PDB file of N, CA and C in Angstrom:
ATOM      1  N   UNK A   1     -26.510  19.423 -28.570  1.00  0.00           N
ATOM      2  CA  UNK A   1     -26.818  18.350 -27.469  1.00  0.00           C
ATOM      3  C   UNK A   1     -27.519  16.936 -28.142  1.00  0.00           C
ATOM      4  N   UNK A   2     -28.356  17.106 -28.611  1.00  0.00           N
ATOM      5  CA  UNK A   2     -29.256  16.100 -28.740  1.00  0.00           C
ATOM      6  C   UNK A   2     -27.953  15.032 -29.831  1.00  0.00           C
ATOM      7  N   UNK A   3     -27.181  15.069 -30.679  1.00  0.00           N
ATOM      8  CA  UNK A   3     -26.218  14.138 -31.173  1.00  0.00           C
ATOM      9  C   UNK A   3     -25.211  14.283 -30.279  1.00  0.00           C
ATOM     10  N   UNK A   4     -24.459  14.695 -29.249  1.00  0.00           N
ATOM     11  CA  UNK A   4     -23.950  14.307 -28.228  1.00  0.00           C
ATOM     12  C   UNK A   4     -24.256  13.103 -27.072  1.00  0.00           C
ATOM     13  N   UNK A   5     -25.700  13.125 -26.674  1.00  0.00           N
ATOM     14  CA  UNK A   5     -26.116  12.063 -25.951  1.00  0.00           C
ATOM     15  C   UNK A   5     -26.455  11.105 -26.841  1.00  0.00           C
ATOM     16  N   UNK A   6     -26.888  10.934 -28.545  1.00  0.00           N
ATOM     17  CA  UNK A   6     -27.120   9.701 -28.894  1.00  0.00           C
ATOM     18  C   UNK A   6     -25.894   9.004 -28.973  1.00  0.00           C
ATOM     19  N   UNK A   7     -24.961  10.274 -29.294  1.00  0.00           N
ATOM     20  CA  UNK A   7     -23.367   9.235 -29.379  1.00  0.00           C
ATOM     21  C   UNK A   7     -23.232   8.526 -27.836  1.00  0.00           C
ATOM     22  N   UNK A   8     -23.559   9.193 -26.704  1.00  0.00           N
ATOM     23  CA  UNK A   8     -23.023   8.461 -25.188  1.00  0.00           C
ATOM     24  C   UNK A   8     -24.150   7.451 -25.158  1.00  0.00           C
ATOM     25  N   UNK A   9     -25.208   7.286 -25.867  1.00  0.00           N
ATOM     26  CA  UNK A   9     -26.109   5.990 -25.854  1.00  0.00           C
ATOM     27  C   UNK A   9     -25.464   4.974 -26.861  1.00  0.00           C
ATOM     28  N   UNK A  10     -24.903   4.935 -27.677  1.00  0.00           N
ATOM     29  CA  UNK A  10     -24.569   4.079 -28.692  1.00  0.00           C
ATOM     30  C   UNK A  10     -23.090   3.724 -27.908  1.00  0.00           C
ATOM     31  N   UNK A  11     -22.335   4.633 -27.482  1.00  0.00           N
ATOM     32  CA  UNK A  11     -21.242   4.265 -26.796  1.00  0.00           C
ATOM     33  C   UNK A  11     -21.741   3.449 -25.291  1.00  0.00           C
ATOM     34  N   UNK A  12     -22.510   3.189 -24.811  1.00  0.00           N
ATOM     35  CA  UNK A  12     -23.325   2.851 -23.884  1.00  0.00           C
ATOM     36  C   UNK A  12     -23.646   1.383 -24.300  1.00  0.00           C
ATOM     37  N   UNK A  13     -24.257   1.405 -25.255  1.00  0.00           N
ATOM     38  CA  UNK A  13     -24.834  -0.078 -25.612  1.00  0.00           C
ATOM     39  C   UNK A  13     -23.711  -0.636 -26.270  1.00  0.00           C
ATOM     40  N   UNK A  14     -22.572  -0.667 -26.635  1.00  0.00           N
ATOM     41  CA  UNK A  14     -21.627  -1.433 -27.062  1.00  0.00           C
ATOM     42  C   UNK A  14     -21.028  -2.473 -25.943  1.00  0.00           C
ATOM     43  N   UNK A  15     -20.960  -3.426 -26.369  1.00  0.00           N
ATOM     44  CA  UNK A  15     -20.366  -4.452 -25.504  1.00  0.00           C
ATOM     45  C   UNK A  15     -18.895  -4.163 -25.083  1.00  0.00           C
ATOM     46  N   UNK A  16     -18.533  -4.440 -24.033  1.00  0.00           N
ATOM     47  CA  UNK A  16     -17.119  -3.678 -23.440  1.00  0.00           C
ATOM     48  C   UNK A  16     -16.230  -4.660 -24.206  1.00  0.00           C
ATOM     49  N   UNK A  17     -14.850  -3.827 -24.358  1.00  0.00           N
ATOM     50  CA  UNK A  17     -13.932  -4.830 -24.764  1.00  0.00           C
ATOM     51  C   UNK A  17     -12.947  -5.864 -24.355  1.00  0.00           C
ATOM     52  N   UNK A  18     -12.981  -6.728 -25.298  1.00  0.00           N
ATOM     53  CA  UNK A  18     -12.594  -8.020 -24.891  1.00  0.00           C
ATOM     54  C   UNK A  18     -10.949  -8.168 -24.197  1.00  0.00           C
ATOM     55  N   UNK A  19     -10.121  -6.516 -24.193  1.00  0.00           N
ATOM     56  CA  UNK A  19      -8.590  -6.566 -23.864  1.00  0.00           C
ATOM     57  C   UNK A  19      -8.872  -6.379 -22.575  1.00  0.00           C
ATOM     58  N   UNK A  20      -9.293  -7.236 -21.748  1.00  0.00           N
ATOM     59  CA  UNK A  20      -9.013  -6.623 -20.494  1.00  0.00           C
ATOM     60  C   UNK A  20      -7.824  -7.249 -19.863  1.00  0.00           C
ATOM     61  N   UNK A  21      -7.676  -8.447 -20.391  1.00  0.00           N
ATOM     62  CA  UNK A  21      -6.264  -9.211 -19.882  1.00  0.00           C
ATOM     63  C   UNK A  21      -4.934  -8.236 -19.974  1.00  0.00           C
ATOM     64  N   UNK A  22      -4.950  -7.600 -21.185  1.00  0.00           N
ATOM     65  CA  UNK A  22      -3.812  -7.051 -21.869  1.00  0.00           C
ATOM     66  C   UNK A  22      -3.739  -5.633 -21.031  1.00  0.00           C
ATOM     67  N   UNK A  23      -5.304  -5.090 -20.547  1.00  0.00           N
ATOM     68  CA  UNK A  23      -4.893  -3.781 -19.800  1.00  0.00           C
ATOM     69  C   UNK A  23      -4.593  -3.510 -18.383  1.00  0.00           C
ATOM     70  N   UNK A  24      -4.862  -4.700 -17.755  1.00  0.00           N
ATOM     71  CA  UNK A  24      -4.817  -5.332 -16.632  1.00  0.00           C
ATOM     72  C   UNK A  24      -3.091  -5.524 -16.808  1.00  0.00           C
ATOM     73  N   UNK A  25      -2.641  -6.461 -17.825  1.00  0.00           N
ATOM     74  CA  UNK A  25      -0.981  -6.677 -17.596  1.00  0.00           C
ATOM     75  C   UNK A  25      -0.089  -5.496 -17.881  1.00  0.00           C
ATOM     76  N   UNK A  26      -0.826  -4.232 -18.785  1.00  0.00           N
ATOM     77  CA  UNK A  26      -0.163  -2.855 -18.772  1.00  0.00           C
ATOM     78  C   UNK A  26      -0.059  -2.492 -17.402  1.00  0.00           C
ATOM     79  N   UNK A  27      -0.977  -2.200 -16.766  1.00  0.00           N
ATOM     80  CA  UNK A  27      -1.197  -1.528 -15.355  1.00  0.00           C
ATOM     81  C   UNK A  27      -0.077  -2.186 -14.758  1.00  0.00           C
ATOM     82  N   UNK A  28      -0.283  -3.516 -14.331  1.00  0.00           N
ATOM     83  CA  UNK A  28       0.429  -3.983 -13.964  1.00  0.00           C
ATOM     84  C   UNK A  28       2.033  -3.504 -14.019  1.00  0.00           C
ATOM     85  N   UNK A  29       2.327  -3.925 -15.392  1.00  0.00           N
ATOM     86  CA  UNK A  29       4.226  -3.209 -15.873  1.00  0.00           C
ATOM     87  C   UNK A  29       4.171  -2.369 -15.440  1.00  0.00           C
ATOM     88  N   UNK A  30       3.045  -1.070 -15.547  1.00  0.00           N
ATOM     89  CA  UNK A  30       3.579   0.270 -14.962  1.00  0.00           C
ATOM     90  C   UNK A  30       3.863   0.362 -14.046  1.00  0.00           C
ATOM     91  N   UNK A  31       3.002  -0.318 -12.536  1.00  0.00           N
ATOM     92  CA  UNK A  31       2.976  -0.471 -11.519  1.00  0.00           C
ATOM     93  C   UNK A  31       4.285  -0.019 -10.973  1.00  0.00           C
ATOM     94  N   UNK A  32       4.989  -1.586 -11.734  1.00  0.00           N
ATOM     95  CA  UNK A  32       5.939  -2.106 -11.000  1.00  0.00           C
ATOM     96  C   UNK A  32       7.102  -1.586 -11.636  1.00  0.00           C
ATOM     97  N   UNK A  33       7.219  -0.722 -12.522  1.00  0.00           N
ATOM     98  CA  UNK A  33       8.358   0.079 -13.133  1.00  0.00           C
ATOM     99  C   UNK A  33       8.274   1.048 -12.192  1.00  0.00           C
ATOM    100  N   UNK A  34       6.782   1.762 -12.014  1.00  0.00           N
ATOM    101  CA  UNK A  34       7.277   2.795 -11.061  1.00  0.00           C
ATOM    102  C   UNK A  34       7.220   3.139  -9.633  1.00  0.00           C
ATOM    103  N   UNK A  35       7.092   1.708  -9.007  1.00  0.00           N
ATOM    104  CA  UNK A  35       7.584   1.333  -7.655  1.00  0.00           C
ATOM    105  C   UNK A  35       9.355   0.785  -7.642  1.00  0.00           C
ATOM    106  N   UNK A  36       9.615   0.616  -9.038  1.00  0.00           N
ATOM    107  CA  UNK A  36      11.169   0.110  -8.964  1.00  0.00           C
ATOM    108  C   UNK A  36      11.893   2.053  -9.225  1.00  0.00           C
ATOM    109  N   UNK A  37      11.059   2.370  -9.266  1.00  0.00           N
ATOM    110  CA  UNK A  37      12.013   3.802  -9.461  1.00  0.00           C
ATOM    111  C   UNK A  37      11.691   4.714  -8.121  1.00  0.00           C
ATOM    112  N   UNK A  38      10.781   4.329  -7.264  1.00  0.00           N
ATOM    113  CA  UNK A  38      10.466   5.240  -5.905  1.00  0.00           C
ATOM    114  C   UNK A  38      10.874   4.383  -4.515  1.00  0.00           C
ATOM    115  N   UNK A  39      10.857   3.127  -4.536  1.00  0.00           N
ATOM    116  CA  UNK A  39      11.121   2.459  -3.272  1.00  0.00           C
ATOM    117  C   UNK A  39      12.589   2.311  -3.197  1.00  0.00           C
ATOM    118  N   UNK A  40      13.414   3.134  -2.836  1.00  0.00           N
ATOM    119  CA  UNK A  40      14.923   3.162  -2.640  1.00  0.00           C
ATOM    120  C   UNK A  40      15.278   2.652  -1.342  1.00  0.00           C
ATOM    121  N   UNK A  41      16.518   1.878  -1.027  1.00  0.00           N
ATOM    122  CA  UNK A  41      17.064   1.445  -0.052  1.00  0.00           C
ATOM    123  C   UNK A  41      18.867   1.838   0.115  1.00  0.00           C
ATOM    124  N   UNK A  42      19.306   1.620   0.989  1.00  0.00           N
ATOM    125  CA  UNK A  42      21.147   2.483   0.924  1.00  0.00           C
ATOM    126  C   UNK A  42      21.325   1.099   1.474  1.00  0.00           C
ATOM    127  N   UNK A  43      22.112   0.430   0.319  1.00  0.00           N
ATOM    128  CA  UNK A  43      23.150  -1.057   0.744  1.00  0.00           C
ATOM    129  C   UNK A  43      24.322  -0.447   0.054  1.00  0.00           C
ATOM    130  N   UNK A  44      25.147  -0.922   1.326  1.00  0.00           N
ATOM    131  CA  UNK A  44      26.553  -0.832   1.109  1.00  0.00           C
ATOM    132  C   UNK A  44      26.848   0.924   0.244  1.00  0.00           C
ATOM    133  N   UNK A  45      26.227   1.854   1.287  1.00  0.00           N
ATOM    134  CA  UNK A  45      26.504   2.815   0.626  1.00  0.00           C
ATOM    135  C   UNK A  45      25.935   3.572  -0.638  1.00  0.00           C
ATOM    136  N   UNK A  46      25.355   3.125  -1.094  1.00  0.00           N
ATOM    137  CA  UNK A  46      24.988   3.149  -2.624  1.00  0.00           C
ATOM    138  C   UNK A  46      23.158   2.635  -2.549  1.00  0.00           C
ATOM    139  N   UNK A  47      22.786   3.780  -3.323  1.00  0.00           N
ATOM    140  CA  UNK A  47      21.284   3.708  -3.163  1.00  0.00           C
ATOM    141  C   UNK A  47      20.959   2.511  -4.491  1.00  0.00           C
ATOM    142  N   UNK A  48      19.910   1.858  -3.710  1.00  0.00           N
ATOM    143  CA  UNK A  48      19.480   0.194  -4.517  1.00  0.00           C
ATOM    144  C   UNK A  48      18.121   0.957  -4.563  1.00  0.00           C
ATOM    145  N   UNK A  49      17.228   1.042  -5.799  1.00  0.00           N
ATOM    146  CA  UNK A  49      15.725   1.464  -6.028  1.00  0.00           C
ATOM    147  C   UNK A  49      15.156  -0.428  -6.570  1.00  0.00           C
ATOM    148  N   UNK A  50      14.228  -0.825  -5.906  1.00  0.00           N
ATOM    149  CA  UNK A  50      13.825  -1.776  -6.336  1.00  0.00           C
ATOM    150  C   UNK A  50      11.835  -1.680  -5.550  1.00  0.00           C
ATOM    151  N   UNK A  51      10.963  -2.881  -6.449  1.00  0.00           N
ATOM    152  CA  UNK A  51      10.099  -2.252  -5.551  1.00  0.00           C
ATOM    153  C   UNK A  51       9.449  -3.509  -4.377  1.00  0.00           C
ATOM    154  N   UNK A  52      10.359  -4.396  -3.919  1.00  0.00           N
ATOM    155  CA  UNK A  52      10.550  -4.813  -2.677  1.00  0.00           C
ATOM    156  C   UNK A  52      10.671  -4.159  -1.729  1.00  0.00           C
ATOM    157  N   UNK A  53      11.639  -2.919  -1.817  1.00  0.00           N
ATOM    158  CA  UNK A  53      11.625  -2.372  -0.571  1.00  0.00           C
ATOM    159  C   UNK A  53      10.463  -1.553  -0.118  1.00  0.00           C
ATOM    160  N   UNK A  54       9.397  -1.397  -1.046  1.00  0.00           N
ATOM    161  CA  UNK A  54       8.410  -0.714  -0.643  1.00  0.00           C
ATOM    162  C   UNK A  54       7.325  -2.132   0.226  1.00  0.00           C
ATOM    163  N   UNK A  55       7.399  -3.024   0.295  1.00  0.00           N
ATOM    164  CA  UNK A  55       7.114  -3.795   1.246  1.00  0.00           C
ATOM    165  C   UNK A  55       7.737  -3.619   2.385  1.00  0.00           C
ATOM    166  N   UNK A  56       9.095  -3.831   2.520  1.00  0.00           N
ATOM    167  CA  UNK A  56       9.636  -3.566   3.513  1.00  0.00           C
ATOM    168  C   UNK A  56       9.346  -2.527   4.343  1.00  0.00           C
ATOM    169  N   UNK A  57       9.017  -1.257   3.708  1.00  0.00           N
ATOM    170  CA  UNK A  57       8.975   0.038   4.186  1.00  0.00           C
ATOM    171  C   UNK A  57       7.565  -0.211   4.848  1.00  0.00           C
ATOM    172  N   UNK A  58       6.390  -0.251   4.422  1.00  0.00           N
ATOM    173  CA  UNK A  58       5.088  -0.788   4.422  1.00  0.00           C
ATOM    174  C   UNK A  58       5.269  -1.342   5.988  1.00  0.00           C
ATOM    175  N   UNK A  59       5.985  -2.761   5.966  1.00  0.00           N
ATOM    176  CA  UNK A  59       6.061  -3.470   7.228  1.00  0.00           C
ATOM    177  C   UNK A  59       6.471  -2.904   8.436  1.00  0.00           C
ATOM    178  N   UNK A  60       7.498  -1.956   8.015  1.00  0.00           N
ATOM    179  CA  UNK A  60       8.237  -1.418   9.141  1.00  0.00           C
ATOM    180  C   UNK A  60       7.360  -0.338   9.507  1.00  0.00           C
ATOM    181  N   UNK A  61       6.692   0.454   8.769  1.00  0.00           N
ATOM    182  CA  UNK A  61       5.765   1.408   9.274  1.00  0.00           C
ATOM    183  C   UNK A  61       4.592   1.020  10.266  1.00  0.00           C
ATOM    184  N   UNK A  62       3.556   0.049   9.621  1.00  0.00           N
ATOM    185  CA  UNK A  62       2.805  -1.113  10.433  1.00  0.00           C
ATOM    186  C   UNK A  62       3.375  -1.185  12.003  1.00  0.00           C
ATOM    187  N   UNK A  63       4.860  -1.936  11.892  1.00  0.00           N
ATOM    188  CA  UNK A  63       5.123  -2.432  13.282  1.00  0.00           C
ATOM    189  C   UNK A  63       5.455  -1.069  14.169  1.00  0.00           C
ATOM    190  N   UNK A  64       5.803   0.163  13.524  1.00  0.00           N
ATOM    191  CA  UNK A  64       5.608   1.259  14.327  1.00  0.00           C
ATOM    192  C   UNK A  64       4.617   1.653  15.191  1.00  0.00           C
ATOM    193  N   UNK A  65       3.280   1.825  13.820  1.00  0.00           N
ATOM    194  CA  UNK A  65       2.053   2.162  14.418  1.00  0.00           C
ATOM    195  C   UNK A  65       1.635   1.138  15.374  1.00  0.00           C
ATOM    196  N   UNK A  66       1.533  -0.114  15.168  1.00  0.00           N
ATOM    197  CA  UNK A  66       1.309  -0.874  16.565  1.00  0.00           C
ATOM    198  C   UNK A  66       1.952  -0.714  17.904  1.00  0.00           C
ATOM    199  N   UNK A  67       2.930  -0.590  17.324  1.00  0.00           N
ATOM    200  CA  UNK A  67       3.563  -0.416  19.013  1.00  0.00           C
ATOM    201  C   UNK A  67       3.393   1.009  19.739  1.00  0.00           C
ATOM    202  N   UNK A  68       3.013   1.830  18.865  1.00  0.00           N
ATOM    203  CA  UNK A  68       2.468   3.187  19.276  1.00  0.00           C
ATOM    204  C   UNK A  68       1.664   3.187  19.611  1.00  0.00           C
ATOM    205  N   UNK A  69       0.413   2.613  19.431  1.00  0.00           N
ATOM    206  CA  UNK A  69      -1.054   2.198  19.644  1.00  0.00           C
ATOM    207  C   UNK A  69      -0.893   1.574  21.022  1.00  0.00           C
ATOM    208  N   UNK A  70      -0.315   0.761  20.987  1.00  0.00           N
ATOM    209  CA  UNK A  70      -0.518  -0.399  21.874  1.00  0.00           C
ATOM    210  C   UNK A  70       0.211   0.051  23.258  1.00  0.00           C
ATOM    211  N   UNK A  71       1.142   1.115  23.106  1.00  0.00           N
ATOM    212  CA  UNK A  71       2.102   1.826  24.207  1.00  0.00           C
ATOM    213  C   UNK A  71       0.988   3.033  24.758  1.00  0.00           C
ATOM    214  N   UNK A  72       0.012   3.303  23.720  1.00  0.00           N
ATOM    215  CA  UNK A  72      -0.641   4.630  24.460  1.00  0.00           C
ATOM    216  C   UNK A  72      -1.778   4.208  25.255  1.00  0.00           C
ATOM    217  N   UNK A  73      -2.101   3.001  24.657  1.00  0.00           N
ATOM    218  CA  UNK A  73      -3.412   2.454  24.989  1.00  0.00           C
ATOM    219  C   UNK A  73      -3.207   1.831  26.417  1.00  0.00           C
ATOM    220  N   UNK A  74      -1.917   1.170  26.751  1.00  0.00           N
ATOM    221  CA  UNK A  74      -1.828   0.650  27.907  1.00  0.00           C
ATOM    222  C   UNK A  74      -1.363   2.056  29.079  1.00  0.00           C
ATOM    223  N   UNK A  75      -0.941   2.813  28.362  1.00  0.00           N
ATOM    224  CA  UNK A  75      -1.125   4.404  29.151  1.00  0.00           C
ATOM    225  C   UNK A  75      -1.846   4.659  30.040  1.00  0.00           C
ATOM    226  N   UNK A  76      -2.864   4.361  28.860  1.00  0.00           N
ATOM    227  CA  UNK A  76      -4.226   5.015  29.153  1.00  0.00           C
ATOM    228  C   UNK A  76      -5.386   3.807  29.810  1.00  0.00           C
ATOM    229  N   UNK A  77      -4.622   2.790  30.233  1.00  0.00           N
ATOM    230  CA  UNK A  77      -4.930   1.795  30.879  1.00  0.00           C
ATOM    231  C   UNK A  77      -6.420   1.543  30.055  1.00  0.00           C
ATOM    232  N   UNK A  78      -6.267   1.262  29.029  1.00  0.00           N
ATOM    233  CA  UNK A  78      -7.424   0.788  28.150  1.00  0.00           C
ATOM    234  C   UNK A  78      -7.765  -0.532  28.628  1.00  0.00           C
ATOM    235  N   UNK A  79      -9.530  -1.487  28.833  1.00  0.00           N
ATOM    236  CA  UNK A  79      -9.539  -2.416  29.375  1.00  0.00           C
ATOM    237  C   UNK A  79      -9.146  -3.298  28.243  1.00  0.00           C
ATOM    238  N   UNK A  80      -9.066  -2.741  26.606  1.00  0.00           N
ATOM    239  CA  UNK A  80      -8.572  -4.344  25.672  1.00  0.00           C
ATOM    240  C   UNK A  80      -6.920  -4.043  25.876  1.00  0.00           C
ATOM    241  N   UNK A  81      -6.493  -2.877  25.665  1.00  0.00           N
ATOM    242  CA  UNK A  81      -4.762  -3.620  26.298  1.00  0.00           C
ATOM    243  C   UNK A  81      -4.306  -4.231  27.040  1.00  0.00           C
ATOM    244  N   UNK A  82      -5.129  -4.648  28.180  1.00  0.00           N
ATOM    245  CA  UNK A  82      -4.946  -5.591  29.053  1.00  0.00           C
ATOM    246  C   UNK A  82      -5.162  -6.961  28.303  1.00  0.00           C
ATOM    247  N   UNK A  83      -6.080  -6.996  27.767  1.00  0.00           N
ATOM    248  CA  UNK A  83      -6.649  -8.130  27.183  1.00  0.00           C
ATOM    249  C   UNK A  83      -5.499  -8.468  26.346  1.00  0.00           C
ATOM    250  N   UNK A  84      -5.261  -7.472  24.966  1.00  0.00           N
ATOM    251  CA  UNK A  84      -4.771  -7.488  23.842  1.00  0.00           C
ATOM    252  C   UNK A  84      -3.382  -7.425  23.682  1.00  0.00           C
ATOM    253  N   UNK A  85      -2.123  -6.918  24.565  1.00  0.00           N
ATOM    254  CA  UNK A  85      -0.917  -6.288  24.426  1.00  0.00           C
ATOM    255  C   UNK A  85      -0.409  -6.652  25.494  1.00  0.00           C
ATOM    256  N   UNK A  86       1.034  -7.268  25.454  1.00  0.00           N
ATOM    257  CA  UNK A  86       1.931  -7.634  26.507  1.00  0.00           C
ATOM    258  C   UNK A  86       2.806  -6.455  26.486  1.00  0.00           C
ATOM    259  N   UNK A  87       3.810  -6.642  27.210  1.00  0.00           N
ATOM    260  CA  UNK A  87       4.987  -6.027  27.069  1.00  0.00           C
ATOM    261  C   UNK A  87       5.689  -6.196  25.908  1.00  0.00           C
ATOM    262  N   UNK A  88       5.627  -7.154  25.140  1.00  0.00           N
ATOM    263  CA  UNK A  88       7.152  -7.260  24.037  1.00  0.00           C
ATOM    264  C   UNK A  88       5.998  -6.798  22.830  1.00  0.00           C
ATOM    265  N   UNK A  89       4.606  -6.027  23.426  1.00  0.00           N
ATOM    266  CA  UNK A  89       4.265  -5.524  22.039  1.00  0.00           C
ATOM    267  C   UNK A  89       4.607  -3.803  22.271  1.00  0.00           C
ATOM    268  N   UNK A  90       4.802  -3.810  23.309  1.00  0.00           N
ATOM    269  CA  UNK A  90       5.508  -2.205  23.571  1.00  0.00           C
ATOM    270  C   UNK A  90       6.755  -2.021  23.535  1.00  0.00           C
ATOM    271  N   UNK A  91       7.470  -3.358  23.581  1.00  0.00           N
ATOM    272  CA  UNK A  91       8.680  -2.814  23.375  1.00  0.00           C
ATOM    273  C   UNK A  91       9.117  -2.922  22.002  1.00  0.00           C
ATOM    274  N   UNK A  92       8.575  -3.733  20.856  1.00  0.00           N
ATOM    275  CA  UNK A  92       8.746  -4.190  19.802  1.00  0.00           C
ATOM    276  C   UNK A  92       9.231  -2.670  18.835  1.00  0.00           C
ATOM    277  N   UNK A  93       9.711  -2.814  18.253  1.00  0.00           N
ATOM    278  CA  UNK A  93      10.115  -0.880  17.509  1.00  0.00           C
ATOM    279  C   UNK A  93      11.016  -1.430  16.004  1.00  0.00           C
ATOM    280  N   UNK A  94      10.290  -1.273  14.891  1.00  0.00           N
ATOM    281  CA  UNK A  94      10.480  -1.548  13.697  1.00  0.00           C
ATOM    282  C   UNK A  94      12.069  -0.356  13.612  1.00  0.00           C
ATOM    283  N   UNK A  95      12.902  -0.724  12.715  1.00  0.00           N
ATOM    284  CA  UNK A  95      14.445   0.348  12.407  1.00  0.00           C
ATOM    285  C   UNK A  95      13.807   1.563  12.119  1.00  0.00           C
ATOM    286  N   UNK A  96      14.470   2.923  11.891  1.00  0.00           N
ATOM    287  CA  UNK A  96      13.951   3.721  11.352  1.00  0.00           C
ATOM    288  C   UNK A  96      14.975   3.910  10.476  1.00  0.00           C
TER     289      UNK A  96
END
């Protein structure tokens, strides 16, 4: 046990690695490759996978959620709904 604690203390006293930029670059590349595999859309009957479709998907979900919240608040006659949401906010629907 004493040897393990000594080893941990020595590791903690070492200066941090200077390869932060390389690790960040590798992590970014890995994330981009992963998003290129999982974010897909159907274009002209073919499935196309690119990272940019993730941003489109997220944007559409946010629009859908905002529309739903605006509609629910207006139906419940919440005071903030009258102030912040007009009819256009409730009508806006993102494509599914």
